[in-house]
Amino acid sequence: MEMNYCMRCGARLTYKEHPTDGAVPYCESCGDYRFPVFSTAVSILVMNPERTHVLLITQYGKPHFILPAGYVDKGENAEHAVRRELNEELGMIPLSVRYLCSHYYEPSETLMLNFAVTVEETEPQPNWEVDSWRWFPLDEARKTVRPGGLASRLLADWKE
């Protein structure tokens, strides 16, 4: 990701050698280095209590199934974002939350922090953001999500 303008004053950035990080965007007006800024979100692998099925959703009129996900709010830690997003979008409370891995999603310049959760309640109460939902056996979930997407990578790597 290339930064061209200072996020504080709007001046055009140049590159200046940083003592430890090499050439870094630099604002002559502010007299400070500007490191890349990007969004952070959580992606949630939701499993039933027996851990045999994965919950996939569709959203915003798009036809493909995805994992529930959402942005981390300012001042919020990732684990709280998982609990909040799961409750907001699906009305579910996780019994356990476990960090898995991260992926950088370039189209939206977002660092995705991926988590696995187990829920007790298997009948979601979705809000307006969720068009549909369905529980899939893991092998079927892997075949259902869009090939090459973040959900596809996460499900391909998933091992209990």
N, C-alpha and C. Protein backbone atom coordinates (compact mmCIF):
# COMPACT_ATOMS: atom_id res chain seq x y z
N MET A 1 0.85 -1.16 0.00
CA MET A 1 0.00 0.00 0.00
C MET A 1 0.90 1.23 0.00
N GLU A 2 0.67 2.09 -0.94
CA GLU A 2 1.47 3.30 -1.04
C GLU A 2 0.69 4.48 -0.50
N MET A 3 1.34 5.24 0.36
CA MET A 3 0.73 6.44 0.91
C MET A 3 1.30 7.64 0.16
N ASN A 4 0.43 8.54 -0.28
CA ASN A 4 0.88 9.71 -1.02
C ASN A 4 0.73 11.01 -0.26
N TYR A 5 -0.20 11.04 0.70
CA TYR A 5 -0.47 12.28 1.43
C TYR A 5 -0.50 12.03 2.93
N CYS A 6 -0.10 13.02 3.68
CA CYS A 6 -0.08 12.95 5.14
C CYS A 6 -1.50 12.89 5.68
N MET A 7 -1.76 11.94 6.58
CA MET A 7 -3.10 11.82 7.14
C MET A 7 -3.38 12.89 8.19
N ARG A 8 -2.39 13.64 8.61
CA ARG A 8 -2.60 14.72 9.58
C ARG A 8 -2.84 16.06 8.90
N CYS A 9 -1.95 16.43 7.94
CA CYS A 9 -2.04 17.77 7.35
C CYS A 9 -2.40 17.77 5.87
N GLY A 10 -2.33 16.62 5.21
CA GLY A 10 -2.69 16.53 3.80
C GLY A 10 -1.56 16.85 2.83
N ALA A 11 -0.38 17.19 3.35
CA ALA A 11 0.76 17.51 2.46
C ALA A 11 1.23 16.26 1.72
N ARG A 12 1.79 16.46 0.56
CA ARG A 12 2.34 15.35 -0.23
C ARG A 12 3.53 14.76 0.53
N LEU A 13 3.59 13.44 0.58
CA LEU A 13 4.68 12.75 1.27
C LEU A 13 5.84 12.50 0.33
N THR A 14 7.02 12.49 0.90
CA THR A 14 8.23 12.07 0.19
C THR A 14 8.75 10.84 0.91
N TYR A 15 9.76 10.21 0.36
CA TYR A 15 10.38 9.09 1.06
C TYR A 15 11.69 9.56 1.67
N LYS A 16 11.89 9.18 2.92
CA LYS A 16 13.10 9.56 3.64
C LYS A 16 13.61 8.31 4.35
N GLU A 17 14.90 8.18 4.40
CA GLU A 17 15.51 7.02 5.05
C GLU A 17 15.27 7.11 6.56
N HIS A 18 14.65 6.06 7.10
CA HIS A 18 14.40 5.96 8.53
C HIS A 18 15.59 5.23 9.15
N PRO A 19 15.98 5.57 10.37
CA PRO A 19 17.17 4.93 10.98
C PRO A 19 17.12 3.41 11.04
N THR A 20 15.92 2.82 11.18
CA THR A 20 15.84 1.36 11.30
C THR A 20 14.93 0.70 10.27
N ASP A 21 14.07 1.46 9.58
CA ASP A 21 13.08 0.86 8.71
C ASP A 21 13.27 1.13 7.22
N GLY A 22 14.38 1.70 6.83
CA GLY A 22 14.60 1.97 5.41
C GLY A 22 13.83 3.19 4.95
N ALA A 23 13.52 3.24 3.65
CA ALA A 23 12.79 4.38 3.08
C ALA A 23 11.33 4.31 3.51
N VAL A 24 10.89 5.38 4.19
CA VAL A 24 9.54 5.44 4.75
C VAL A 24 8.90 6.76 4.31
N PRO A 25 7.58 6.76 4.03
CA PRO A 25 6.92 8.03 3.71
C PRO A 25 7.17 9.05 4.83
N TYR A 26 7.48 10.29 4.40
CA TYR A 26 7.84 11.34 5.35
C TYR A 26 7.09 12.61 4.99
N CYS A 27 6.54 13.29 6.01
CA CYS A 27 5.86 14.56 5.81
C CYS A 27 6.81 15.69 6.18
N GLU A 28 7.22 16.46 5.17
CA GLU A 28 8.11 17.61 5.42
C GLU A 28 7.40 18.66 6.26
N SER A 29 6.08 18.82 6.05
CA SER A 29 5.32 19.84 6.77
C SER A 29 5.23 19.52 8.27
N CYS A 30 4.95 18.28 8.61
CA CYS A 30 4.84 17.86 10.02
C CYS A 30 6.20 17.49 10.61
N GLY A 31 7.16 17.16 9.72
CA GLY A 31 8.47 16.73 10.20
C GLY A 31 8.43 15.36 10.84
N ASP A 32 7.61 14.46 10.28
CA ASP A 32 7.46 13.15 10.89
C ASP A 32 7.24 12.06 9.83
N TYR A 33 7.65 10.84 10.20
CA TYR A 33 7.43 9.68 9.33
C TYR A 33 5.97 9.27 9.40
N ARG A 34 5.45 8.74 8.31
CA ARG A 34 4.08 8.26 8.26
C ARG A 34 4.09 6.79 7.83
N PHE A 35 3.77 5.94 8.77
CA PHE A 35 3.72 4.51 8.49
C PHE A 35 2.34 4.15 7.96
N PRO A 36 2.22 3.08 7.19
CA PRO A 36 0.93 2.72 6.57
C PRO A 36 -0.19 2.57 7.59
N VAL A 37 -1.37 2.99 7.17
CA VAL A 37 -2.57 2.88 7.98
C VAL A 37 -3.54 1.98 7.21
N PHE A 38 -4.14 1.03 7.91
CA PHE A 38 -5.09 0.13 7.27
C PHE A 38 -6.13 -0.30 8.30
N SER A 39 -7.20 -0.86 7.80
CA SER A 39 -8.27 -1.32 8.68
C SER A 39 -7.92 -2.67 9.28
N THR A 40 -8.56 -2.98 10.39
CA THR A 40 -8.42 -4.29 11.02
C THR A 40 -9.82 -4.85 11.23
N ALA A 41 -9.98 -6.12 10.88
CA ALA A 41 -11.28 -6.77 11.02
C ALA A 41 -11.09 -8.18 11.55
N VAL A 42 -12.18 -8.76 12.01
CA VAL A 42 -12.17 -10.15 12.47
C VAL A 42 -13.02 -10.99 11.53
N SER A 43 -12.58 -12.19 11.29
CA SER A 43 -13.31 -13.19 10.53
C SER A 43 -13.56 -14.35 11.49
N ILE A 44 -14.79 -14.89 11.47
CA ILE A 44 -15.17 -15.82 12.52
C ILE A 44 -15.61 -17.16 11.96
N LEU A 45 -14.85 -18.19 12.30
CA LEU A 45 -15.21 -19.57 11.97
C LEU A 45 -16.11 -20.05 13.10
N VAL A 46 -17.43 -20.05 12.86
CA VAL A 46 -18.41 -20.40 13.89
C VAL A 46 -18.73 -21.88 13.77
N MET A 47 -18.55 -22.60 14.89
CA MET A 47 -18.81 -24.05 14.90
C MET A 47 -19.91 -24.39 15.92
N ASN A 48 -20.64 -25.45 15.60
CA ASN A 48 -21.66 -25.95 16.51
C ASN A 48 -20.97 -26.61 17.73
N PRO A 49 -21.71 -26.95 18.79
CA PRO A 49 -21.09 -27.50 20.00
C PRO A 49 -20.27 -28.77 19.76
N GLU A 50 -20.68 -29.60 18.81
CA GLU A 50 -19.94 -30.83 18.53
C GLU A 50 -18.76 -30.59 17.59
N ARG A 51 -18.66 -29.39 17.06
CA ARG A 51 -17.59 -28.98 16.14
C ARG A 51 -17.59 -29.81 14.85
N THR A 52 -18.79 -30.14 14.40
CA THR A 52 -18.93 -30.91 13.16
C THR A 52 -19.41 -30.06 12.00
N HIS A 53 -19.96 -28.87 12.32
CA HIS A 53 -20.53 -28.01 11.30
C HIS A 53 -20.03 -26.57 11.46
N VAL A 54 -19.98 -25.87 10.33
CA VAL A 54 -19.54 -24.48 10.26
C VAL A 54 -20.71 -23.63 9.77
N LEU A 55 -20.90 -22.48 10.39
CA LEU A 55 -21.97 -21.56 9.99
C LEU A 55 -21.44 -20.61 8.92
N LEU A 56 -22.10 -20.58 7.77
CA LEU A 56 -21.77 -19.64 6.70
C LEU A 56 -22.98 -18.75 6.47
N ILE A 57 -22.71 -17.53 6.02
CA ILE A 57 -23.78 -16.57 5.79
C ILE A 57 -23.65 -15.95 4.39
N THR A 58 -24.75 -15.34 3.93
CA THR A 58 -24.69 -14.46 2.77
C THR A 58 -25.08 -13.07 3.27
N GLN A 59 -24.52 -12.04 2.61
CA GLN A 59 -24.77 -10.67 3.04
C GLN A 59 -24.90 -9.73 1.86
N TYR A 60 -25.65 -8.64 2.09
CA TYR A 60 -25.72 -7.50 1.19
C TYR A 60 -26.08 -7.88 -0.25
N GLY A 61 -26.94 -8.88 -0.42
CA GLY A 61 -27.40 -9.27 -1.74
C GLY A 61 -26.41 -10.04 -2.58
N LYS A 62 -25.27 -10.37 -2.02
CA LYS A 62 -24.27 -11.14 -2.78
C LYS A 62 -24.60 -12.62 -2.67
N PRO A 63 -24.35 -13.39 -3.74
CA PRO A 63 -24.81 -14.78 -3.78
C PRO A 63 -23.91 -15.80 -3.07
N HIS A 64 -22.69 -15.44 -2.75
CA HIS A 64 -21.77 -16.44 -2.19
C HIS A 64 -21.79 -16.46 -0.66
N PHE A 65 -21.56 -17.67 -0.13
CA PHE A 65 -21.48 -17.85 1.32
C PHE A 65 -20.11 -17.43 1.81
N ILE A 66 -20.08 -16.80 2.97
CA ILE A 66 -18.85 -16.32 3.59
C ILE A 66 -18.89 -16.63 5.09
N LEU A 67 -17.77 -16.38 5.75
CA LEU A 67 -17.74 -16.45 7.21
C LEU A 67 -18.22 -15.11 7.77
N PRO A 68 -18.88 -15.11 8.92
CA PRO A 68 -19.22 -13.83 9.55
C PRO A 68 -17.93 -13.05 9.83
N ALA A 69 -18.01 -11.73 9.70
CA ALA A 69 -16.83 -10.89 9.88
C ALA A 69 -17.28 -9.48 10.22
N GLY A 70 -16.35 -8.69 10.71
CA GLY A 70 -16.64 -7.29 10.99
C GLY A 70 -15.40 -6.55 11.41
N TYR A 71 -15.47 -5.24 11.31
CA TYR A 71 -14.32 -4.39 11.65
C TYR A 71 -14.15 -4.27 13.17
N VAL A 72 -12.90 -4.12 13.57
CA VAL A 72 -12.56 -3.86 14.97
C VAL A 72 -12.74 -2.36 15.19
N ASP A 73 -13.52 -1.99 16.19
CA ASP A 73 -13.74 -0.58 16.51
C ASP A 73 -12.51 0.01 17.20
N LYS A 74 -12.36 1.31 17.05
CA LYS A 74 -11.26 2.03 17.70
C LYS A 74 -11.33 1.79 19.21
N GLY A 75 -10.20 1.41 19.79
CA GLY A 75 -10.12 1.17 21.23
C GLY A 75 -10.57 -0.22 21.66
N GLU A 76 -11.00 -1.05 20.72
CA GLU A 76 -11.52 -2.38 21.02
C GLU A 76 -10.46 -3.43 20.72
N ASN A 77 -10.38 -4.47 21.54
CA ASN A 77 -9.46 -5.56 21.20
C ASN A 77 -10.19 -6.55 20.29
N ALA A 78 -9.43 -7.38 19.61
CA ALA A 78 -9.98 -8.28 18.60
C ALA A 78 -10.96 -9.29 19.20
N GLU A 79 -10.65 -9.82 20.37
CA GLU A 79 -11.54 -10.81 21.00
C GLU A 79 -12.90 -10.20 21.32
N HIS A 80 -12.90 -8.96 21.76
CA HIS A 80 -14.18 -8.29 22.02
C HIS A 80 -14.93 -8.08 20.71
N ALA A 81 -14.22 -7.72 19.65
CA ALA A 81 -14.85 -7.52 18.34
C ALA A 81 -15.52 -8.81 17.86
N VAL A 82 -14.89 -9.96 18.10
CA VAL A 82 -15.48 -11.26 17.73
C VAL A 82 -16.81 -11.43 18.45
N ARG A 83 -16.81 -11.23 19.75
CA ARG A 83 -18.03 -11.41 20.55
C ARG A 83 -19.12 -10.41 20.12
N ARG A 84 -18.71 -9.16 19.93
CA ARG A 84 -19.66 -8.11 19.54
C ARG A 84 -20.27 -8.40 18.17
N GLU A 85 -19.43 -8.68 17.18
CA GLU A 85 -19.92 -8.94 15.83
C GLU A 85 -20.84 -10.16 15.78
N LEU A 86 -20.46 -11.22 16.47
CA LEU A 86 -21.27 -12.43 16.49
C LEU A 86 -22.65 -12.15 17.12
N ASN A 87 -22.65 -11.38 18.18
CA ASN A 87 -23.90 -11.03 18.84
C ASN A 87 -24.72 -10.07 17.98
N GLU A 88 -24.08 -9.05 17.40
CA GLU A 88 -24.81 -8.06 16.59
C GLU A 88 -25.42 -8.70 15.34
N GLU A 89 -24.60 -9.44 14.59
CA GLU A 89 -25.05 -9.96 13.30
C GLU A 89 -25.93 -11.20 13.41
N LEU A 90 -25.66 -12.05 14.43
CA LEU A 90 -26.35 -13.34 14.49
C LEU A 90 -27.06 -13.62 15.81
N GLY A 91 -26.94 -12.71 16.78
CA GLY A 91 -27.58 -12.92 18.07
C GLY A 91 -27.02 -14.11 18.82
N MET A 92 -25.74 -14.42 18.60
CA MET A 92 -25.11 -15.59 19.22
C MET A 92 -24.01 -15.16 20.17
N ILE A 93 -23.80 -15.97 21.21
CA ILE A 93 -22.76 -15.73 22.20
C ILE A 93 -21.78 -16.90 22.13
N PRO A 94 -20.50 -16.65 21.91
CA PRO A 94 -19.54 -17.76 21.83
C PRO A 94 -19.24 -18.36 23.20
N LEU A 95 -19.10 -19.68 23.21
CA LEU A 95 -18.65 -20.37 24.42
C LEU A 95 -17.14 -20.28 24.54
N SER A 96 -16.47 -20.32 23.40
CA SER A 96 -15.01 -20.22 23.37
C SER A 96 -14.60 -19.39 22.17
N VAL A 97 -13.50 -18.66 22.31
CA VAL A 97 -12.94 -17.83 21.24
C VAL A 97 -11.46 -18.15 21.17
N ARG A 98 -11.01 -18.57 19.98
CA ARG A 98 -9.60 -18.93 19.82
C ARG A 98 -9.04 -18.27 18.57
N TYR A 99 -7.93 -17.56 18.73
CA TYR A 99 -7.26 -16.93 17.60
C TYR A 99 -6.61 -18.00 16.74
N LEU A 100 -6.74 -17.87 15.41
CA LEU A 100 -6.16 -18.83 14.48
C LEU A 100 -4.96 -18.27 13.73
N CYS A 101 -5.17 -17.19 12.97
CA CYS A 101 -4.12 -16.64 12.13
C CYS A 101 -4.59 -15.31 11.56
N SER A 102 -3.73 -14.67 10.80
CA SER A 102 -4.11 -13.43 10.14
C SER A 102 -3.85 -13.53 8.64
N HIS A 103 -4.62 -12.77 7.89
CA HIS A 103 -4.43 -12.64 6.44
C HIS A 103 -4.62 -11.18 6.09
N TYR A 104 -3.82 -10.68 5.17
CA TYR A 104 -4.02 -9.32 4.69
C TYR A 104 -4.90 -9.39 3.45
N TYR A 105 -6.01 -8.66 3.46
CA TYR A 105 -6.95 -8.64 2.36
C TYR A 105 -6.76 -7.33 1.60
N GLU A 106 -6.03 -7.42 0.50
CA GLU A 106 -5.62 -6.23 -0.24
C GLU A 106 -6.75 -5.40 -0.84
N PRO A 107 -7.82 -6.02 -1.38
CA PRO A 107 -8.87 -5.19 -1.99
C PRO A 107 -9.43 -4.10 -1.07
N SER A 108 -9.53 -4.38 0.21
CA SER A 108 -10.04 -3.35 1.14
C SER A 108 -8.95 -2.86 2.10
N GLU A 109 -7.70 -3.24 1.83
CA GLU A 109 -6.58 -2.87 2.69
C GLU A 109 -6.92 -3.13 4.16
N THR A 110 -7.26 -4.39 4.43
CA THR A 110 -7.69 -4.79 5.77
C THR A 110 -6.88 -5.97 6.26
N LEU A 111 -6.39 -5.87 7.48
CA LEU A 111 -5.76 -7.00 8.14
C LEU A 111 -6.87 -7.80 8.80
N MET A 112 -7.07 -9.03 8.33
CA MET A 112 -8.11 -9.90 8.88
C MET A 112 -7.50 -10.78 9.96
N LEU A 113 -8.06 -10.70 11.16
CA LEU A 113 -7.66 -11.54 12.27
C LEU A 113 -8.70 -12.64 12.37
N ASN A 114 -8.29 -13.87 12.16
CA ASN A 114 -9.22 -14.99 12.06
C ASN A 114 -9.32 -15.76 13.36
N PHE A 115 -10.56 -16.02 13.76
CA PHE A 115 -10.85 -16.70 15.01
C PHE A 115 -11.77 -17.88 14.78
N ALA A 116 -11.67 -18.89 15.65
CA ALA A 116 -12.61 -19.99 15.70
C ALA A 116 -13.40 -19.84 16.98
N VAL A 117 -14.72 -19.97 16.88
CA VAL A 117 -15.57 -19.93 18.06
C VAL A 117 -16.50 -21.13 18.05
N THR A 118 -16.87 -21.55 19.22
CA THR A 118 -17.89 -22.57 19.39
C THR A 118 -19.08 -21.89 20.05
N VAL A 119 -20.27 -22.18 19.53
CA VAL A 119 -21.49 -21.60 20.10
C VAL A 119 -22.39 -22.72 20.60
N GLU A 120 -23.18 -22.40 21.60
CA GLU A 120 -24.12 -23.39 22.12
C GLU A 120 -25.42 -23.34 21.33
N GLU A 121 -25.86 -22.13 21.05
CA GLU A 121 -27.12 -21.92 20.33
C GLU A 121 -26.89 -22.12 18.83
N THR A 122 -27.64 -23.01 18.20
CA THR A 122 -27.42 -23.30 16.78
C THR A 122 -28.50 -22.69 15.88
N GLU A 123 -29.36 -21.87 16.46
CA GLU A 123 -30.40 -21.19 15.68
C GLU A 123 -30.14 -19.68 15.76
N PRO A 124 -29.37 -19.14 14.79
CA PRO A 124 -29.05 -17.71 14.83
C PRO A 124 -30.30 -16.83 14.74
N GLN A 125 -30.18 -15.63 15.26
CA GLN A 125 -31.20 -14.60 15.15
C GLN A 125 -30.56 -13.44 14.39
N PRO A 126 -30.46 -13.55 13.05
CA PRO A 126 -29.69 -12.57 12.28
C PRO A 126 -30.32 -11.18 12.24
N ASN A 127 -29.46 -10.18 12.12
CA ASN A 127 -29.92 -8.81 11.95
C ASN A 127 -30.02 -8.50 10.45
N TRP A 128 -30.23 -7.25 10.11
CA TRP A 128 -30.43 -6.81 8.72
C TRP A 128 -29.22 -7.06 7.83
N GLU A 129 -28.03 -7.21 8.40
CA GLU A 129 -26.82 -7.41 7.59
C GLU A 129 -26.74 -8.80 6.96
N VAL A 130 -27.45 -9.76 7.53
CA VAL A 130 -27.36 -11.15 7.08
C VAL A 130 -28.59 -11.49 6.24
N ASP A 131 -28.34 -11.87 4.98
CA ASP A 131 -29.44 -12.26 4.10
C ASP A 131 -29.90 -13.69 4.38
N SER A 132 -28.94 -14.59 4.57
CA SER A 132 -29.27 -15.99 4.86
C SER A 132 -28.11 -16.62 5.60
N TRP A 133 -28.37 -17.78 6.19
CA TRP A 133 -27.35 -18.52 6.92
C TRP A 133 -27.64 -20.00 6.78
N ARG A 134 -26.59 -20.79 6.98
CA ARG A 134 -26.77 -22.24 6.93
C ARG A 134 -25.57 -22.93 7.58
N TRP A 135 -25.83 -24.01 8.31
CA TRP A 135 -24.78 -24.84 8.87
C TRP A 135 -24.32 -25.84 7.80
N PHE A 136 -23.01 -25.96 7.62
CA PHE A 136 -22.42 -26.88 6.64
C PHE A 136 -21.45 -27.82 7.33
N PRO A 137 -21.44 -29.12 6.97
CA PRO A 137 -20.32 -29.96 7.39
C PRO A 137 -19.04 -29.33 6.84
N LEU A 138 -17.93 -29.49 7.54
CA LEU A 138 -16.68 -28.82 7.17
C LEU A 138 -16.30 -29.07 5.70
N ASP A 139 -16.35 -30.30 5.25
CA ASP A 139 -15.97 -30.60 3.87
C ASP A 139 -16.88 -29.88 2.87
N GLU A 140 -18.17 -29.82 3.18
CA GLU A 140 -19.09 -29.12 2.29
C GLU A 140 -18.87 -27.61 2.34
N ALA A 141 -18.54 -27.08 3.51
CA ALA A 141 -18.25 -25.65 3.64
C ALA A 141 -17.05 -25.27 2.77
N ARG A 142 -16.03 -26.12 2.77
CA ARG A 142 -14.84 -25.86 1.94
C ARG A 142 -15.20 -25.77 0.46
N LYS A 143 -16.16 -26.59 0.02
CA LYS A 143 -16.58 -26.60 -1.39
C LYS A 143 -17.55 -25.47 -1.71
N THR A 144 -18.20 -24.91 -0.70
CA THR A 144 -19.25 -23.92 -0.90
C THR A 144 -18.73 -22.50 -1.03
N VAL A 145 -17.69 -22.16 -0.27
CA VAL A 145 -17.17 -20.79 -0.32
C VAL A 145 -16.43 -20.55 -1.63
N ARG A 146 -16.30 -19.30 -1.99
CA ARG A 146 -15.65 -18.91 -3.24
C ARG A 146 -14.18 -19.31 -3.23
N PRO A 147 -13.72 -20.03 -4.25
CA PRO A 147 -12.31 -20.45 -4.31
C PRO A 147 -11.38 -19.23 -4.30
N GLY A 148 -10.31 -19.34 -3.54
CA GLY A 148 -9.31 -18.28 -3.48
C GLY A 148 -9.61 -17.15 -2.53
N GLY A 149 -10.81 -17.11 -1.97
CA GLY A 149 -11.16 -16.05 -1.03
C GLY A 149 -10.60 -16.32 0.36
N LEU A 150 -10.79 -15.37 1.25
CA LEU A 150 -10.29 -15.52 2.62
C LEU A 150 -10.92 -16.72 3.32
N ALA A 151 -12.22 -16.90 3.17
CA ALA A 151 -12.89 -18.04 3.81
C ALA A 151 -12.33 -19.34 3.29
N SER A 152 -12.06 -19.39 1.99
CA SER A 152 -11.50 -20.59 1.38
C SER A 152 -10.14 -20.93 1.98
N ARG A 153 -9.29 -19.92 2.13
CA ARG A 153 -7.96 -20.15 2.71
C ARG A 153 -8.06 -20.59 4.16
N LEU A 154 -8.93 -19.95 4.92
CA LEU A 154 -9.06 -20.29 6.33
C LEU A 154 -9.61 -21.70 6.51
N LEU A 155 -10.63 -22.05 5.75
CA LEU A 155 -11.21 -23.39 5.86
C LEU A 155 -10.26 -24.47 5.36
N ALA A 156 -9.46 -24.16 4.34
CA ALA A 156 -8.49 -25.14 3.82
C ALA A 156 -7.43 -25.46 4.88
N ASP A 157 -7.06 -24.45 5.66
CA ASP A 157 -6.02 -24.63 6.68
C ASP A 157 -6.56 -25.16 8.01
N TRP A 158 -7.89 -25.15 8.18
CA TRP A 158 -8.48 -25.49 9.47
C TRP A 158 -8.28 -26.95 9.81
N LYS A 159 -7.68 -27.16 10.96
CA LYS A 159 -7.54 -28.49 11.56
C LYS A 159 -7.88 -28.35 13.02
N GLU A 160 -8.76 -29.17 13.49
CA GLU A 160 -9.21 -29.10 14.89
C GLU A 160 -8.06 -29.23 15.85
